[in-house]
Protein backbone atom coordinates (compact mmCIF):
# COMPACT_ATOMS: atom_id res chain seq x y z
CA SER A 1 -0.05 0.18 0.19
CA ALA A 2 1.24 3.51 -0.77
CA LEU A 3 2.46 5.88 2.22
CA ARG A 4 0.87 9.27 1.77
CA VAL A 5 3.01 11.62 3.16
CA LEU A 6 1.67 14.77 5.14
CA ARG A 7 3.58 18.12 5.03
CA ILE A 8 3.76 20.45 8.18
CA GLU A 9 3.66 24.04 7.41
CA PRO A 10 3.50 26.66 10.50
CA THR A 11 0.54 29.54 9.90
CA ARG A 12 1.75 32.88 9.39
CA GLN A 13 -0.26 34.51 12.23
CA THR A 14 -0.19 31.97 14.55
CA GLY A 15 2.65 29.73 14.38
CA MET A 16 0.61 26.64 14.72
CA ALA A 17 1.18 23.36 12.57
CA VAL A 18 -1.46 21.58 10.77
CA SER A 19 -0.64 18.92 8.12
CA ALA A 20 -1.05 20.41 4.35
CA PRO A 21 -4.28 19.03 3.08
CA ALA A 22 -4.80 17.57 -0.17
CA ASP A 23 -8.51 18.40 -0.28
CA GLU A 24 -7.99 22.00 -1.95
CA ARG A 25 -11.90 22.85 -0.16
CA ILE A 26 -9.64 22.69 3.03
CA ALA A 27 -6.65 24.51 1.70
CA GLY A 28 -8.88 27.45 0.77
CA LEU A 29 -11.15 27.11 4.10
CA LEU A 30 -7.26 27.50 6.18
CA GLU A 31 -6.80 30.46 4.54
CA LYS A 32 -10.03 32.04 5.08
CA VAL A 33 -9.99 31.17 8.97
CA ARG A 34 -6.26 32.36 9.34
CA GLU A 35 -8.16 35.76 7.62
CA ASN A 36 -11.05 35.68 9.70
CA PRO A 37 -10.69 33.67 12.97
CA LEU A 38 -14.21 34.48 13.82
CA LEU A 39 -15.97 32.63 11.31
CA THR A 40 -18.34 30.02 12.53
CA PRO A 41 -18.43 26.01 11.34
CA ASP A 42 -21.53 26.69 9.96
CA GLU A 43 -20.47 29.55 7.56
CA LEU A 44 -17.64 27.50 6.63
CA ALA A 45 -19.65 24.68 5.90
CA ASP A 46 -22.31 26.77 4.03
CA GLY A 47 -19.65 28.42 1.98
CA LEU A 48 -18.11 25.14 0.62
CA PHE A 49 -21.85 23.73 0.00
CA LEU A 50 -21.18 20.97 2.66
CA SER A 51 -22.53 19.68 5.75
CA LYS A 52 -21.25 20.62 9.05
CA SER A 53 -20.84 17.16 10.18
CA ARG A 54 -18.87 16.40 6.73
CA LEU A 55 -16.70 19.35 7.23
CA PHE A 56 -15.37 18.43 10.43
CA HIS A 57 -15.09 14.73 9.16
CA LEU A 58 -12.72 15.90 6.08
CA PHE A 59 -11.21 18.91 8.20
CA HIS A 60 -9.67 16.41 10.57
CA ALA A 61 -9.09 13.72 8.05
CA GLU A 62 -7.14 16.10 6.30
CA CYS A 63 -5.25 18.44 8.79
CA ARG A 64 -5.36 15.72 11.75
CA ILE A 65 -6.89 17.99 14.45
CA GLY A 66 -10.73 18.95 14.75
CA LEU A 67 -12.07 22.26 12.64
CA GLY A 68 -13.18 23.81 16.64
CA GLU A 69 -9.92 23.31 18.41
CA TYR A 70 -8.29 24.96 15.64
CA LEU A 71 -10.72 27.42 15.26
CA LEU A 72 -10.66 28.09 19.54
CA LYS A 73 -6.87 27.99 19.21
CA LEU A 74 -6.49 30.20 16.18
CA ARG A 75 -8.58 32.64 18.70
CA LEU A 76 -6.75 31.84 21.96
CA ARG A 77 -3.57 32.64 19.80
CA GLU A 78 -5.23 36.05 18.24
CA ALA A 79 -6.27 36.98 22.00
CA ARG A 80 -2.31 36.26 23.31
CA ARG A 81 -1.08 38.11 20.47
CA MET A 82 -3.28 41.27 21.16
CA LEU A 83 -2.51 40.99 25.12
CA LEU A 84 1.13 40.70 24.50
CA TYR A 85 1.70 43.97 22.46
CA GLY A 86 -1.71 46.45 23.13
CA ASP A 87 -3.14 47.71 26.14
CA TRP A 88 -6.26 46.38 25.43
CA PRO A 89 -8.50 45.50 28.66
CA ILE A 90 -8.99 41.90 28.81
CA SER A 91 -13.10 42.07 28.70
CA ARG A 92 -12.50 43.72 25.12
CA ILE A 93 -10.24 41.14 24.00
CA ALA A 94 -12.01 38.43 25.01
CA VAL A 95 -15.31 40.11 23.42
CA ARG A 96 -12.75 40.85 19.76
CA THR A 97 -11.94 37.46 19.68
CA GLY A 98 -15.23 36.29 19.72
CA PHE A 99 -15.61 34.99 23.38
CA ALA A 100 -19.35 35.56 25.15
CA ASP A 101 -17.71 36.61 28.17
CA GLN A 102 -14.60 37.45 30.21
CA SER A 103 -14.71 34.03 32.37
CA HIS A 104 -15.16 31.95 29.96
CA PHE A 105 -12.21 33.32 27.93
CA THR A 106 -10.27 33.21 31.15
CA ALA A 107 -10.79 29.67 31.50
CA LEU A 108 -10.06 28.52 28.07
CA PHE A 109 -6.76 30.74 28.35
CA ARG A 110 -5.13 29.46 31.32
CA ARG A 111 -6.06 25.98 29.89
CA GLU A 112 -3.96 26.59 26.84
CA PHE A 113 -0.98 28.57 28.14
CA GLY A 114 -1.03 27.47 31.51
CA LEU A 115 -1.72 31.09 32.99
CA PRO A 116 -4.91 33.39 33.43
CA PRO A 117 -4.57 36.63 31.08
CA MET A 118 -3.27 39.03 33.22
CA LYS A 119 -0.86 37.14 34.50
CA TYR A 120 0.48 35.88 31.04
CA ARG A 121 0.38 39.72 30.27
CA ARG A 122 2.48 40.63 33.42
CA GLU A 123 4.91 37.98 32.93
CA PHE A 124 5.46 37.87 28.87
CA GLY A 125 4.18 41.23 28.05
CA ARG A 126 5.76 43.94 26.54
CA ALA A 127 8.06 46.04 28.92
CA PRO A 128 6.55 49.60 29.32
CA ALA A 129 8.21 52.55 27.35
């Protein structure tokens, strides 16, 4: 049987790596969500004329990560960038990156990066000028 070789390509904005998809629909979708990580799975599925369940299946088969997990990680990495290089309040960053409330955002941020957002900003943010 033939072995399929998957390339790993880092994304420009997030530093995340996913397997390069052979399916052109999924490759195009990756570009779309990198440009706008707030797109929902429903919007993405509609844009590809697929059911949401079919999109989830194809995405996982091509990228080796679930679509929901990928979208969440993109949003969290964008929030981290805003925390480190900006001075917006945590609540505003949460809303701008698509989280319904600050407490939910804080819990997910802590799970992904090991620290709550404000502590992360204090420890890793740029030094005041």
